[in-house]
């Protein structure tokens, strides 16, 4: 299955929502990762923290909200985040 990703800005200029065409976790549940150490047990979140500039990850259903460091531009991290999602997204 090809992972399709829709990118949606949020009210916070440092956060973006990546909506996928597959459920990552069961509906009604959410996973919040405030730092790389908190993502040790989740392969996708752990991989996203490998992207320089990612400071937090939140996963709910078919969405991943990523927050970047304010000193980093989306143009430099967004393509890498999409690559990581496509390589590591597994359905619930």
PDB file of N, CA and C in Angstrom:
ATOM      1  N   UNK A   1       0.842  -1.188   0.000  1.00  0.00           N
ATOM      2  CA  UNK A   1       0.000   0.000   0.000  1.00  0.00           C
ATOM      3  C   UNK A   1       0.883   1.246   0.000  1.00  0.00           C
ATOM      4  N   UNK A   2       0.594   2.155  -0.896  1.00  0.00           N
ATOM      5  CA  UNK A   2       1.314   3.421  -0.956  1.00  0.00           C
ATOM      6  C   UNK A   2       0.750   4.345   0.120  1.00  0.00           C
ATOM      7  N   UNK A   3       1.629   4.896   0.942  1.00  0.00           N
ATOM      8  CA  UNK A   3       1.195   5.808   1.989  1.00  0.00           C
ATOM      9  C   UNK A   3       1.016   7.196   1.385  1.00  0.00           C
ATOM     10  N   UNK A   4      -0.213   7.689   1.428  1.00  0.00           N
ATOM     11  CA  UNK A   4      -0.511   9.037   0.969  1.00  0.00           C
ATOM     12  C   UNK A   4      -0.513   9.955   2.178  1.00  0.00           C
ATOM     13  N   UNK A   5       0.068  11.135   2.005  1.00  0.00           N
ATOM     14  CA  UNK A   5       0.205  12.066   3.120  1.00  0.00           C
ATOM     15  C   UNK A   5      -0.333  13.435   2.713  1.00  0.00           C
ATOM     16  N   UNK A   6      -1.244  13.952   3.514  1.00  0.00           N
ATOM     17  CA  UNK A   6      -1.778  15.304   3.333  1.00  0.00           C
ATOM     18  C   UNK A   6      -1.192  16.170   4.446  1.00  0.00           C
ATOM     19  N   UNK A   7      -0.595  17.281   4.093  1.00  0.00           N
ATOM     20  CA  UNK A   7       0.057  18.153   5.060  1.00  0.00           C
ATOM     21  C   UNK A   7      -0.847  19.348   5.345  1.00  0.00           C
ATOM     22  N   UNK A   8      -1.122  19.585   6.639  1.00  0.00           N
ATOM     23  CA  UNK A   8      -2.008  20.667   7.048  1.00  0.00           C
ATOM     24  C   UNK A   8      -1.332  21.514   8.118  1.00  0.00           C
ATOM     25  N   UNK A   9      -1.247  22.828   7.897  1.00  0.00           N
ATOM     26  CA  UNK A   9      -0.678  23.684   8.936  1.00  0.00           C
ATOM     27  C   UNK A   9      -1.615  23.750  10.149  1.00  0.00           C
ATOM     28  N   UNK A  10      -1.083  24.182  11.267  1.00  0.00           N
ATOM     29  CA  UNK A  10      -1.872  24.373  12.488  1.00  0.00           C
ATOM     30  C   UNK A  10      -1.785  25.846  12.887  1.00  0.00           C
ATOM     31  N   UNK A  11      -2.413  26.196  13.966  1.00  0.00           N
ATOM     32  CA  UNK A  11      -2.336  27.586  14.459  1.00  0.00           C
ATOM     33  C   UNK A  11      -0.927  27.925  14.935  1.00  0.00           C
ATOM     34  N   UNK A  12      -0.202  26.911  15.325  1.00  0.00           N
ATOM     35  CA  UNK A  12       1.182  27.089  15.768  1.00  0.00           C
ATOM     36  C   UNK A  12       2.082  26.973  14.542  1.00  0.00           C
ATOM     37  N   UNK A  13       2.801  28.019  14.203  1.00  0.00           N
ATOM     38  CA  UNK A  13       3.631  27.995  12.996  1.00  0.00           C
ATOM     39  C   UNK A  13       4.743  26.959  13.052  1.00  0.00           C
ATOM     40  N   UNK A  14       5.012  26.406  14.219  1.00  0.00           N
ATOM     41  CA  UNK A  14       6.072  25.416  14.368  1.00  0.00           C
ATOM     42  C   UNK A  14       5.547  23.977  14.383  1.00  0.00           C
ATOM     43  N   UNK A  15       4.230  23.811  14.205  1.00  0.00           N
ATOM     44  CA  UNK A  15       3.616  22.484  14.182  1.00  0.00           C
ATOM     45  C   UNK A  15       2.857  22.269  12.878  1.00  0.00           C
ATOM     46  N   UNK A  16       2.951  21.056  12.365  1.00  0.00           N
ATOM     47  CA  UNK A  16       2.229  20.660  11.156  1.00  0.00           C
ATOM     48  C   UNK A  16       1.598  19.292  11.409  1.00  0.00           C
ATOM     49  N   UNK A  17       0.409  19.082  10.835  1.00  0.00           N
ATOM     50  CA  UNK A  17      -0.259  17.782  10.910  1.00  0.00           C
ATOM     51  C   UNK A  17      -0.054  17.062   9.576  1.00  0.00           C
ATOM     52  N   UNK A  18       0.370  15.819   9.662  1.00  0.00           N
ATOM     53  CA  UNK A  18       0.529  14.950   8.500  1.00  0.00           C
ATOM     54  C   UNK A  18      -0.572  13.899   8.594  1.00  0.00           C
ATOM     55  N   UNK A  19      -1.580  13.973   7.706  1.00  0.00           N
ATOM     56  CA  UNK A  19      -2.706  13.031   7.711  1.00  0.00           C
ATOM     57  C   UNK A  19      -2.424  11.940   6.682  1.00  0.00           C
ATOM     58  N   UNK A  20      -2.531  10.689   7.125  1.00  0.00           N
ATOM     59  CA  UNK A  20      -2.222   9.541   6.278  1.00  0.00           C
ATOM     60  C   UNK A  20      -3.491   8.851   5.813  1.00  0.00           C
ATOM     61  N   UNK A  21      -3.358   8.004   4.822  1.00  0.00           N
ATOM     62  CA  UNK A  21      -4.489   7.226   4.331  1.00  0.00           C
ATOM     63  C   UNK A  21      -4.571   5.868   5.048  1.00  0.00           C
ATOM     64  N   UNK A  22      -4.008   5.796   6.251  1.00  0.00           N
ATOM     65  CA  UNK A  22      -4.108   4.583   7.064  1.00  0.00           C
ATOM     66  C   UNK A  22      -4.094   4.952   8.541  1.00  0.00           C
ATOM     67  N   UNK A  23      -4.743   4.111   9.333  1.00  0.00           N
ATOM     68  CA  UNK A  23      -4.799   4.330  10.783  1.00  0.00           C
ATOM     69  C   UNK A  23      -3.496   3.817  11.398  1.00  0.00           C
ATOM     70  N   UNK A  24      -2.854   4.667  12.182  1.00  0.00           N
ATOM     71  CA  UNK A  24      -1.608   4.289  12.848  1.00  0.00           C
ATOM     72  C   UNK A  24      -1.865   3.651  14.205  1.00  0.00           C
ATOM     73  N   UNK A  25      -2.895   4.146  14.870  1.00  0.00           N
ATOM     74  CA  UNK A  25      -3.299   3.592  16.169  1.00  0.00           C
ATOM     75  C   UNK A  25      -4.822   3.569  16.204  1.00  0.00           C
ATOM     76  N   UNK A  26      -5.415   2.779  17.097  1.00  0.00           N
ATOM     77  CA  UNK A  26      -6.878   2.682  17.143  1.00  0.00           C
ATOM     78  C   UNK A  26      -7.546   4.039  17.378  1.00  0.00           C
ATOM     79  N   UNK A  27      -8.712   4.240  16.768  1.00  0.00           N
ATOM     80  CA  UNK A  27      -9.456   5.490  16.980  1.00  0.00           C
ATOM     81  C   UNK A  27      -9.707   5.732  18.465  1.00  0.00           C
ATOM     82  N   UNK A  28      -9.690   6.995  18.838  1.00  0.00           N
ATOM     83  CA  UNK A  28      -9.952   7.356  20.232  1.00  0.00           C
ATOM     84  C   UNK A  28      -8.734   7.261  21.132  1.00  0.00           C
ATOM     85  N   UNK A  29      -7.590   6.889  20.563  1.00  0.00           N
ATOM     86  CA  UNK A  29      -6.373   6.820  21.370  1.00  0.00           C
ATOM     87  C   UNK A  29      -5.343   7.792  20.794  1.00  0.00           C
ATOM     88  N   UNK A  30      -4.429   8.209  21.625  1.00  0.00           N
ATOM     89  CA  UNK A  30      -3.384   9.121  21.193  1.00  0.00           C
ATOM     90  C   UNK A  30      -2.075   8.792  21.887  1.00  0.00           C
ATOM     91  N   UNK A  31      -1.001   9.097  21.206  1.00  0.00           N
ATOM     92  CA  UNK A  31       0.334   8.895  21.763  1.00  0.00           C
ATOM     93  C   UNK A  31       1.082  10.212  21.660  1.00  0.00           C
ATOM     94  N   UNK A  32       1.626  10.665  22.769  1.00  0.00           N
ATOM     95  CA  UNK A  32       2.359  11.918  22.802  1.00  0.00           C
ATOM     96  C   UNK A  32       3.811  11.631  23.159  1.00  0.00           C
ATOM     97  N   UNK A  33       4.723  12.199  22.378  1.00  0.00           N
ATOM     98  CA  UNK A  33       6.154  12.005  22.601  1.00  0.00           C
ATOM     99  C   UNK A  33       6.789  13.388  22.707  1.00  0.00           C
ATOM    100  N   UNK A  34       7.169  13.762  23.923  1.00  0.00           N
ATOM    101  CA  UNK A  34       7.697  15.104  24.173  1.00  0.00           C
ATOM    102  C   UNK A  34       9.191  15.223  23.924  1.00  0.00           C
ATOM    103  N   UNK A  35       9.855  14.081  23.772  1.00  0.00           N
ATOM    104  CA  UNK A  35      11.305  14.090  23.553  1.00  0.00           C
ATOM    105  C   UNK A  35      11.726  12.731  23.003  1.00  0.00           C
ATOM    106  N   UNK A  36      12.955  12.631  22.507  1.00  0.00           N
ATOM    107  CA  UNK A  36      13.398  11.360  21.916  1.00  0.00           C
ATOM    108  C   UNK A  36      13.354  10.174  22.891  1.00  0.00           C
ATOM    109  N   UNK A  37      13.631  10.403  24.154  1.00  0.00           N
ATOM    110  CA  UNK A  37      13.618   9.314  25.127  1.00  0.00           C
ATOM    111  C   UNK A  37      12.229   8.718  25.298  1.00  0.00           C
ATOM    112  N   UNK A  38      11.199   9.546  25.205  1.00  0.00           N
ATOM    113  CA  UNK A  38       9.828   9.047  25.370  1.00  0.00           C
ATOM    114  C   UNK A  38       9.383   8.215  24.171  1.00  0.00           C
ATOM    115  N   UNK A  39      10.115   8.301  23.051  1.00  0.00           N
ATOM    116  CA  UNK A  39       9.743   7.586  21.827  1.00  0.00           C
ATOM    117  C   UNK A  39      10.487   6.272  21.654  1.00  0.00           C
ATOM    118  N   UNK A  40      11.272   5.872  22.633  1.00  0.00           N
ATOM    119  CA  UNK A  40      12.080   4.648  22.510  1.00  0.00           C
ATOM    120  C   UNK A  40      11.270   3.419  22.122  1.00  0.00           C
ATOM    121  N   UNK A  41      10.036   3.314  22.601  1.00  0.00           N
ATOM    122  CA  UNK A  41       9.246   2.105  22.358  1.00  0.00           C
ATOM    123  C   UNK A  41       8.371   2.188  21.100  1.00  0.00           C
ATOM    124  N   UNK A  42       8.398   3.307  20.383  1.00  0.00           N
ATOM    125  CA  UNK A  42       7.556   3.457  19.195  1.00  0.00           C
ATOM    126  C   UNK A  42       8.442   3.745  17.982  1.00  0.00           C
ATOM    127  N   UNK A  43       8.568   2.784  17.061  1.00  0.00           N
ATOM    128  CA  UNK A  43       9.505   2.918  15.935  1.00  0.00           C
ATOM    129  C   UNK A  43       9.303   4.167  15.067  1.00  0.00           C
ATOM    130  N   UNK A  44       8.056   4.531  14.754  1.00  0.00           N
ATOM    131  CA  UNK A  44       7.819   5.698  13.912  1.00  0.00           C
ATOM    132  C   UNK A  44       8.222   6.982  14.638  1.00  0.00           C
ATOM    133  N   UNK A  45       7.780   7.123  15.877  1.00  0.00           N
ATOM    134  CA  UNK A  45       8.136   8.325  16.640  1.00  0.00           C
ATOM    135  C   UNK A  45       9.651   8.409  16.826  1.00  0.00           C
ATOM    136  N   UNK A  46      10.263   7.287  17.119  1.00  0.00           N
ATOM    137  CA  UNK A  46      11.724   7.254  17.291  1.00  0.00           C
ATOM    138  C   UNK A  46      12.421   7.711  16.011  1.00  0.00           C
ATOM    139  N   UNK A  47      11.935   7.252  14.860  1.00  0.00           N
ATOM    140  CA  UNK A  47      12.515   7.637  13.573  1.00  0.00           C
ATOM    141  C   UNK A  47      12.297   9.128  13.293  1.00  0.00           C
ATOM    142  N   UNK A  48      11.147   9.654  13.662  1.00  0.00           N
ATOM    143  CA  UNK A  48      10.890  11.074  13.434  1.00  0.00           C
ATOM    144  C   UNK A  48      11.840  11.949  14.251  1.00  0.00           C
ATOM    145  N   UNK A  49      12.168  11.517  15.449  1.00  0.00           N
ATOM    146  CA  UNK A  49      13.109  12.289  16.268  1.00  0.00           C
ATOM    147  C   UNK A  49      14.532  12.251  15.707  1.00  0.00           C
ATOM    148  N   UNK A  50      14.792  11.361  14.766  1.00  0.00           N
ATOM    149  CA  UNK A  50      16.103  11.329  14.113  1.00  0.00           C
ATOM    150  C   UNK A  50      16.250  12.488  13.120  1.00  0.00           C
ATOM    151  N   UNK A  51      15.130  13.108  12.740  1.00  0.00           N
ATOM    152  CA  UNK A  51      15.161  14.257  11.837  1.00  0.00           C
ATOM    153  C   UNK A  51      15.586  15.476  12.657  1.00  0.00           C
ATOM    154  N   UNK A  52      16.678  16.080  12.263  1.00  0.00           N
ATOM    155  CA  UNK A  52      17.203  17.238  12.995  1.00  0.00           C
ATOM    156  C   UNK A  52      16.180  18.370  13.000  1.00  0.00           C
ATOM    157  N   UNK A  53      15.831  18.823  14.189  1.00  0.00           N
ATOM    158  CA  UNK A  53      14.870  19.908  14.347  1.00  0.00           C
ATOM    159  C   UNK A  53      13.526  19.485  14.899  1.00  0.00           C
ATOM    160  N   UNK A  54      13.213  18.179  14.894  1.00  0.00           N
ATOM    161  CA  UNK A  54      11.939  17.709  15.453  1.00  0.00           C
ATOM    162  C   UNK A  54      12.035  17.739  16.977  1.00  0.00           C
ATOM    163  N   UNK A  55      11.063  18.399  17.627  1.00  0.00           N
ATOM    164  CA  UNK A  55      11.097  18.508  19.087  1.00  0.00           C
ATOM    165  C   UNK A  55       9.956  17.771  19.781  1.00  0.00           C
ATOM    166  N   UNK A  56       8.852  17.479  19.057  1.00  0.00           N
ATOM    167  CA  UNK A  56       7.797  16.663  19.660  1.00  0.00           C
ATOM    168  C   UNK A  56       6.955  16.022  18.559  1.00  0.00           C
ATOM    169  N   UNK A  57       6.319  14.906  18.938  1.00  0.00           N
ATOM    170  CA  UNK A  57       5.495  14.130  18.008  1.00  0.00           C
ATOM    171  C   UNK A  57       4.235  13.701  18.748  1.00  0.00           C
ATOM    172  N   UNK A  58       3.095  13.821  18.073  1.00  0.00           N
ATOM    173  CA  UNK A  58       1.832  13.376  18.639  1.00  0.00           C
ATOM    174  C   UNK A  58       1.127  12.571  17.566  1.00  0.00           C
ATOM    175  N   UNK A  59       0.695  11.360  17.904  1.00  0.00           N
ATOM    176  CA  UNK A  59       0.026  10.474  16.947  1.00  0.00           C
ATOM    177  C   UNK A  59      -1.376  10.176  17.452  1.00  0.00           C
ATOM    178  N   UNK A  60      -2.362  10.367  16.571  1.00  0.00           N
ATOM    179  CA  UNK A  60      -3.740  10.016  16.907  1.00  0.00           C
ATOM    180  C   UNK A  60      -4.431   9.532  15.634  1.00  0.00           C
ATOM    181  N   UNK A  61      -4.926   8.312  15.670  1.00  0.00           N
ATOM    182  CA  UNK A  61      -5.620   7.743  14.512  1.00  0.00           C
ATOM    183  C   UNK A  61      -4.759   7.714  13.276  1.00  0.00           C
ATOM    184  N   UNK A  62      -5.110   8.559  12.306  1.00  0.00           N
ATOM    185  CA  UNK A  62      -4.376   8.605  11.041  1.00  0.00           C
ATOM    186  C   UNK A  62      -3.554   9.889  10.899  1.00  0.00           C
ATOM    187  N   UNK A  63      -3.316  10.573  12.011  1.00  0.00           N
ATOM    188  CA  UNK A  63      -2.597  11.842  11.980  1.00  0.00           C
ATOM    189  C   UNK A  63      -1.339  11.817  12.834  1.00  0.00           C
ATOM    190  N   UNK A  64      -0.352  12.562  12.355  1.00  0.00           N
ATOM    191  CA  UNK A  64       0.879  12.760  13.117  1.00  0.00           C
ATOM    192  C   UNK A  64       1.112  14.266  13.167  1.00  0.00           C
ATOM    193  N   UNK A  65       1.126  14.810  14.367  1.00  0.00           N
ATOM    194  CA  UNK A  65       1.468  16.227  14.505  1.00  0.00           C
ATOM    195  C   UNK A  65       2.923  16.310  14.929  1.00  0.00           C
ATOM    196  N   UNK A  66       3.696  17.050  14.164  1.00  0.00           N
ATOM    197  CA  UNK A  66       5.115  17.218  14.445  1.00  0.00           C
ATOM    198  C   UNK A  66       5.373  18.682  14.752  1.00  0.00           C
ATOM    199  N   UNK A  67       6.115  18.926  15.809  1.00  0.00           N
ATOM    200  CA  UNK A  67       6.542  20.276  16.157  1.00  0.00           C
ATOM    201  C   UNK A  67       8.048  20.347  15.972  1.00  0.00           C
ATOM    202  N   UNK A  68       8.486  21.414  15.323  1.00  0.00           N
ATOM    203  CA  UNK A  68       9.906  21.595  15.046  1.00  0.00           C
ATOM    204  C   UNK A  68      10.488  22.686  15.936  1.00  0.00           C
ATOM    205  N   UNK A  69      11.784  22.699  16.031  1.00  0.00           N
ATOM    206  CA  UNK A  69      12.491  23.761  16.726  1.00  0.00           C
ATOM    207  C   UNK A  69      12.233  25.078  15.980  1.00  0.00           C
ATOM    208  N   UNK A  70      12.041  26.154  16.717  1.00  0.00           N
ATOM    209  CA  UNK A  70      11.726  27.438  16.074  1.00  0.00           C
ATOM    210  C   UNK A  70      12.862  27.982  15.213  1.00  0.00           C
ATOM    211  N   UNK A  71      14.071  27.482  15.395  1.00  0.00           N
ATOM    212  CA  UNK A  71      15.216  27.947  14.603  1.00  0.00           C
ATOM    213  C   UNK A  71      15.353  27.220  13.269  1.00  0.00           C
ATOM    214  N   UNK A  72      14.535  26.193  13.059  1.00  0.00           N
ATOM    215  CA  UNK A  72      14.611  25.368  11.855  1.00  0.00           C
ATOM    216  C   UNK A  72      13.466  25.737  10.922  1.00  0.00           C
ATOM    217  N   UNK A  73      13.727  25.758   9.627  1.00  0.00           N
ATOM    218  CA  UNK A  73      12.684  26.068   8.637  1.00  0.00           C
ATOM    219  C   UNK A  73      11.991  24.785   8.190  1.00  0.00           C
ATOM    220  N   UNK A  74      10.682  24.895   7.947  1.00  0.00           N
ATOM    221  CA  UNK A  74       9.922  23.728   7.482  1.00  0.00           C
ATOM    222  C   UNK A  74      10.485  23.202   6.172  1.00  0.00           C
ATOM    223  N   UNK A  75      10.969  24.084   5.323  1.00  0.00           N
ATOM    224  CA  UNK A  75      11.499  23.657   4.038  1.00  0.00           C
ATOM    225  C   UNK A  75      12.645  22.675   4.155  1.00  0.00           C
ATOM    226  N   UNK A  76      13.373  22.743   5.260  1.00  0.00           N
ATOM    227  CA  UNK A  76      14.503  21.826   5.444  1.00  0.00           C
ATOM    228  C   UNK A  76      14.111  20.523   6.140  1.00  0.00           C
ATOM    229  N   UNK A  77      13.028  20.521   6.902  1.00  0.00           N
ATOM    230  CA  UNK A  77      12.662  19.299   7.634  1.00  0.00           C
ATOM    231  C   UNK A  77      11.443  18.560   7.083  1.00  0.00           C
ATOM    232  N   UNK A  78      10.512  19.283   6.461  1.00  0.00           N
ATOM    233  CA  UNK A  78       9.272  18.641   5.999  1.00  0.00           C
ATOM    234  C   UNK A  78       9.516  17.502   5.010  1.00  0.00           C
ATOM    235  N   UNK A  79      10.376  17.663   3.994  1.00  0.00           N
ATOM    236  CA  UNK A  79      10.599  16.539   3.071  1.00  0.00           C
ATOM    237  C   UNK A  79      11.175  15.313   3.774  1.00  0.00           C
ATOM    238  N   UNK A  80      12.059  15.524   4.720  1.00  0.00           N
ATOM    239  CA  UNK A  80      12.656  14.403   5.461  1.00  0.00           C
ATOM    240  C   UNK A  80      11.607  13.719   6.345  1.00  0.00           C
ATOM    241  N   UNK A  81      10.728  14.494   6.976  1.00  0.00           N
ATOM    242  CA  UNK A  81       9.655  13.929   7.802  1.00  0.00           C
ATOM    243  C   UNK A  81       8.749  13.052   6.940  1.00  0.00           C
ATOM    244  N   UNK A  82       8.395  13.525   5.756  1.00  0.00           N
ATOM    245  CA  UNK A  82       7.546  12.738   4.856  1.00  0.00           C
ATOM    246  C   UNK A  82       8.240  11.437   4.468  1.00  0.00           C
ATOM    247  N   UNK A  83       9.522  11.491   4.169  1.00  0.00           N
ATOM    248  CA  UNK A  83      10.305  10.283   3.871  1.00  0.00           C
ATOM    249  C   UNK A  83      10.236   9.289   5.024  1.00  0.00           C
ATOM    250  N   UNK A  84      10.461   9.785   6.229  1.00  0.00           N
ATOM    251  CA  UNK A  84      10.463   8.934   7.424  1.00  0.00           C
ATOM    252  C   UNK A  84       9.099   8.307   7.637  1.00  0.00           C
ATOM    253  N   UNK A  85       8.045   9.090   7.478  1.00  0.00           N
ATOM    254  CA  UNK A  85       6.687   8.550   7.643  1.00  0.00           C
ATOM    255  C   UNK A  85       6.436   7.428   6.631  1.00  0.00           C
ATOM    256  N   UNK A  86       6.760   7.685   5.364  1.00  0.00           N
ATOM    257  CA  UNK A  86       6.525   6.655   4.330  1.00  0.00           C
ATOM    258  C   UNK A  86       7.319   5.373   4.619  1.00  0.00           C
ATOM    259  N   UNK A  87       8.517   5.514   5.141  1.00  0.00           N
ATOM    260  CA  UNK A  87       9.364   4.351   5.394  1.00  0.00           C
ATOM    261  C   UNK A  87       8.973   3.597   6.661  1.00  0.00           C
ATOM    262  N   UNK A  88       8.309   4.268   7.600  1.00  0.00           N
ATOM    263  CA  UNK A  88       8.069   3.660   8.918  1.00  0.00           C
ATOM    264  C   UNK A  88       6.616   3.526   9.334  1.00  0.00           C
ATOM    265  N   UNK A  89       5.677   4.033   8.551  1.00  0.00           N
ATOM    266  CA  UNK A  89       4.264   3.973   8.938  1.00  0.00           C
ATOM    267  C   UNK A  89       3.713   2.571   8.754  1.00  0.00           C
ATOM    268  N   UNK A  90       3.180   2.027   9.819  1.00  0.00           N
ATOM    269  CA  UNK A  90       2.553   0.704   9.778  1.00  0.00           C
ATOM    270  C   UNK A  90       1.136   0.842  10.317  1.00  0.00           C
ATOM    271  N   UNK A  91       0.162   0.249   9.640  1.00  0.00           N
ATOM    272  CA  UNK A  91      -1.223   0.377  10.092  1.00  0.00           C
ATOM    273  C   UNK A  91      -1.457  -0.272  11.449  1.00  0.00           C
ATOM    274  N   UNK A  92      -2.446   0.261  12.147  1.00  0.00           N
ATOM    275  CA  UNK A  92      -2.810  -0.265  13.475  1.00  0.00           C
ATOM    276  C   UNK A  92      -3.403  -1.660  13.354  1.00  0.00           C
TER     277      UNK A  92
END
